[in-house]
C-alpha atoms as a PDB file:
ATOM      1  CA  MET A   1     -12.205   0.733  -5.466  1.00  0.00           C
ATOM      2  CA  THR A   2     -10.756  -2.592  -4.569  1.00  0.00           C
ATOM      3  CA  GLY A   3     -12.956  -4.489  -6.200  1.00  0.00           C
ATOM      4  CA  GLY A   4     -13.605  -6.478  -2.501  1.00  0.00           C
ATOM      5  CA  ARG A   5     -10.284  -7.219  -2.294  1.00  0.00           C
ATOM      6  CA  ARG A   6      -7.830  -6.117   0.763  1.00  0.00           C
ATOM      7  CA  VAL A   7      -4.178  -5.046  -0.154  1.00  0.00           C
ATOM      8  CA  ARG A   8      -1.665  -4.421   2.716  1.00  0.00           C
ATOM      9  CA  CYS A   9       1.116  -1.729   1.386  1.00  0.00           C
ATOM     10  CA  THR A  10       4.154  -2.113   3.484  1.00  0.00           C
ATOM     11  CA  VAL A  11       7.381   0.140   3.975  1.00  0.00           C
ATOM     12  CA  GLU A  12       9.815  -2.374   2.145  1.00  0.00           C
ATOM     13  CA  SER A  13      12.662   0.727   2.074  1.00  0.00           C
ATOM     14  CA  MET A  14      13.540   3.988   2.331  1.00  0.00           C
ATOM     15  CA  ASN A  15      16.564   6.470   2.622  1.00  0.00           C
ATOM     16  CA  TYR A  16      14.733   8.215   5.466  1.00  0.00           C
ATOM     17  CA  SER A  17      11.080   8.916   6.565  1.00  0.00           C
ATOM     18  CA  ALA A  18      10.233  12.590   7.470  1.00  0.00           C
ATOM     19  CA  CYS A  19       6.629  11.175   8.901  1.00  0.00           C
ATOM     20  CA  GLU A  20       8.744   8.764  11.310  1.00  0.00           C
ATOM     21  CA  LEU A  21       7.712   5.492   9.244  1.00  0.00           C
ATOM     22  CA  ARG A  22       9.513   2.305   9.629  1.00  0.00           C
ATOM     23  CA  VAL A  23      10.615  -0.627   7.422  1.00  0.00           C
ATOM     24  CA  GLY A  24       7.909  -2.797   8.071  1.00  0.00           C
ATOM     25  CA  ASP A  25       4.943  -0.326   9.207  1.00  0.00           C
ATOM     26  CA  TYR A  26       1.673  -0.669   6.802  1.00  0.00           C
ATOM     27  CA  PHE A  27      -1.868   0.392   6.055  1.00  0.00           C
ATOM     28  CA  GLU A  28      -4.404  -1.790   4.460  1.00  0.00           C
ATOM     29  CA  VAL A  29      -6.905  -0.488   1.333  1.00  0.00           C
ATOM     30  CA  GLY A  30     -10.316  -2.662   1.269  1.00  0.00           C
ATOM     31  CA  PRO A  31     -13.798  -2.305   0.363  1.00  0.00           C
ATOM     32  CA  GLU A  32     -14.278  -0.407   3.990  1.00  0.00           C
ATOM     33  CA  GLY A  33     -11.614   2.002   2.872  1.00  0.00           C
ATOM     34  CA  VAL A  34      -8.045   2.814   4.715  1.00  0.00           C
ATOM     35  CA  SER A  35      -7.007   0.803   7.985  1.00  0.00           C
ATOM     36  CA  LEU A  36      -3.956   0.876   9.929  1.00  0.00           C
ATOM     37  CA  PRO A  37      -3.005  -1.205  12.836  1.00  0.00           C
ATOM     38  CA  PRO A  38      -4.252   0.076  16.163  1.00  0.00           C
ATOM     39  CA  GLY A  39      -2.373   3.236  17.243  1.00  0.00           C
ATOM     40  CA  ALA A  40      -0.272   3.142  14.049  1.00  0.00           C
ATOM     41  CA  HIS A  41       0.113   6.561  11.674  1.00  0.00           C
ATOM     42  CA  PHE A  42       1.161   6.365   7.880  1.00  0.00           C
ATOM     43  CA  CYS A  43       2.134   9.544   5.724  1.00  0.00           C
ATOM     44  CA  PHE A  44      -1.013  10.467   4.069  1.00  0.00           C
ATOM     45  CA  TYR A  45       1.073  11.284   1.125  1.00  0.00           C
ATOM     46  CA  ALA A  46       2.085   7.364   0.984  1.00  0.00           C
ATOM     47  CA  ILE A  47      -1.630   6.303   1.100  1.00  0.00           C
ATOM     48  CA  ALA A  48      -2.628   8.363  -1.365  1.00  0.00           C
ATOM     49  CA  SER A  49       0.320   7.259  -4.081  1.00  0.00           C
ATOM     50  CA  ALA A  50      -0.781   3.500  -3.255  1.00  0.00           C
ATOM     51  CA  ALA A  51      -4.724   4.018  -3.222  1.00  0.00           C
ATOM     52  CA  SER A  52      -4.601   5.794  -6.704  1.00  0.00           C
ATOM     53  CA  LEU A  53      -2.541   3.137  -8.180  1.00  0.00           C
ATOM     54  CA  LEU A  54      -4.602   0.455  -6.379  1.00  0.00           C
ATOM     55  CA  ASN A  55      -7.640   2.564  -8.201  1.00  0.00           C
ATOM     56  CA  GLY A  56      -6.510   2.188 -11.594  1.00  0.00           C
ATOM     57  CA  ARG A  57      -5.002  -1.316 -11.890  1.00  0.00           C
ATOM     58  CA  LEU A  58      -7.095  -3.572  -9.656  1.00  0.00           C
ATOM     59  CA  ALA A  59      -9.937  -2.455 -12.529  1.00  0.00           C
ATOM     60  CA  GLY A  60      -8.458  -3.949 -15.296  1.00  0.00           C
ATOM     61  CA  PRO A  61      -8.214  -7.362 -16.714  1.00  0.00           C
ATOM     62  CA  ASP A  62      -4.895  -8.202 -15.575  1.00  0.00           C
ATOM     63  CA  ALA A  63      -5.596  -7.414 -11.529  1.00  0.00           C
ATOM     64  CA  ASP A  64      -4.904 -11.215 -10.596  1.00  0.00           C
ATOM     65  CA  GLU A  65      -1.589 -11.336 -12.294  1.00  0.00           C
ATOM     66  CA  TRP A  66      -0.548  -8.062 -10.818  1.00  0.00           C
ATOM     67  CA  LEU A  67      -1.130  -8.227  -7.427  1.00  0.00           C
ATOM     68  CA  ALA A  68       0.273 -11.527  -7.540  1.00  0.00           C
ATOM     69  CA  GLY A  69       3.816 -10.029  -8.897  1.00  0.00           C
ATOM     70  CA  ARG A  70       3.704  -8.223  -5.455  1.00  0.00           C
ATOM     71  CA  PRO A  71       4.376  -4.893  -6.864  1.00  0.00           C
ATOM     72  CA  LEU A  72       6.163  -1.811  -5.302  1.00  0.00           C
ATOM     73  CA  ALA A  73       4.549   1.761  -4.965  1.00  0.00           C
ATOM     74  CA  ALA A  74       6.613   4.841  -3.796  1.00  0.00           C
ATOM     75  CA  CYS A  75       6.167   8.067  -1.748  1.00  0.00           C
ATOM     76  CA  PRO A  76       6.011  10.942  -3.672  1.00  0.00           C
ATOM     77  CA  ASP A  77       8.650  12.588  -1.685  1.00  0.00           C
ATOM     78  CA  PRO A  78      11.841  11.780  -3.890  1.00  0.00           C
ATOM     79  CA  PRO A  79      14.612  12.123  -0.876  1.00  0.00           C
ATOM     80  CA  GLU A  80      12.699   9.954   0.998  1.00  0.00           C
ATOM     81  CA  ASN A  81      12.914   7.115  -1.557  1.00  0.00           C
ATOM     82  CA  LEU A  82      10.256   5.280   0.679  1.00  0.00           C
ATOM     83  CA  ILE A  83       8.977   2.109  -1.180  1.00  0.00           C
ATOM     84  CA  MET A  84       6.001   0.261  -0.220  1.00  0.00           C
ATOM     85  CA  ARG A  85       5.039  -3.593  -1.077  1.00  0.00           C
ATOM     86  CA  LEU A  86       1.930  -4.111  -2.014  1.00  0.00           C
ATOM     87  CA  GLU A  87       0.360  -7.167  -1.051  1.00  0.00           C
ATOM     88  CA  GLU A  88      -3.239  -8.772  -1.118  1.00  0.00           C
ATOM     89  CA  VAL A  89      -4.602  -9.759   2.455  1.00  0.00           C
ATOM     90  CA  ARG A  90      -6.486 -13.394   2.273  1.00  0.00           C
ATOM     91  CA  ASP A  91      -8.346 -14.631   4.778  1.00  0.00           C
ATOM     92  CA  ASP A  92      -7.724 -18.273   5.660  1.00  0.00           C
ATOM     93  CA  GLY A  93     -10.846 -19.691   7.155  1.00  0.00           C
END
């Protein structure tokens, strides 16, 4: 789905979180699937929202440019207004 890339989806802002997320919480989507930091949790609706967005955009010819712009994704619960920043994770070394 991610074309060999690993993308970090980090909570940037929200009105509140019914799932007890905080700004700075994140998950990653990569060739191995979805991963979370040890002991962390994340809203599966927010994961599904970001994963479906990544699936559609990373397959296109402008994927590098789109991802370099650090796009935003939203959890589908409008009152929460939970916004995530999408960024490629690069291994240095």
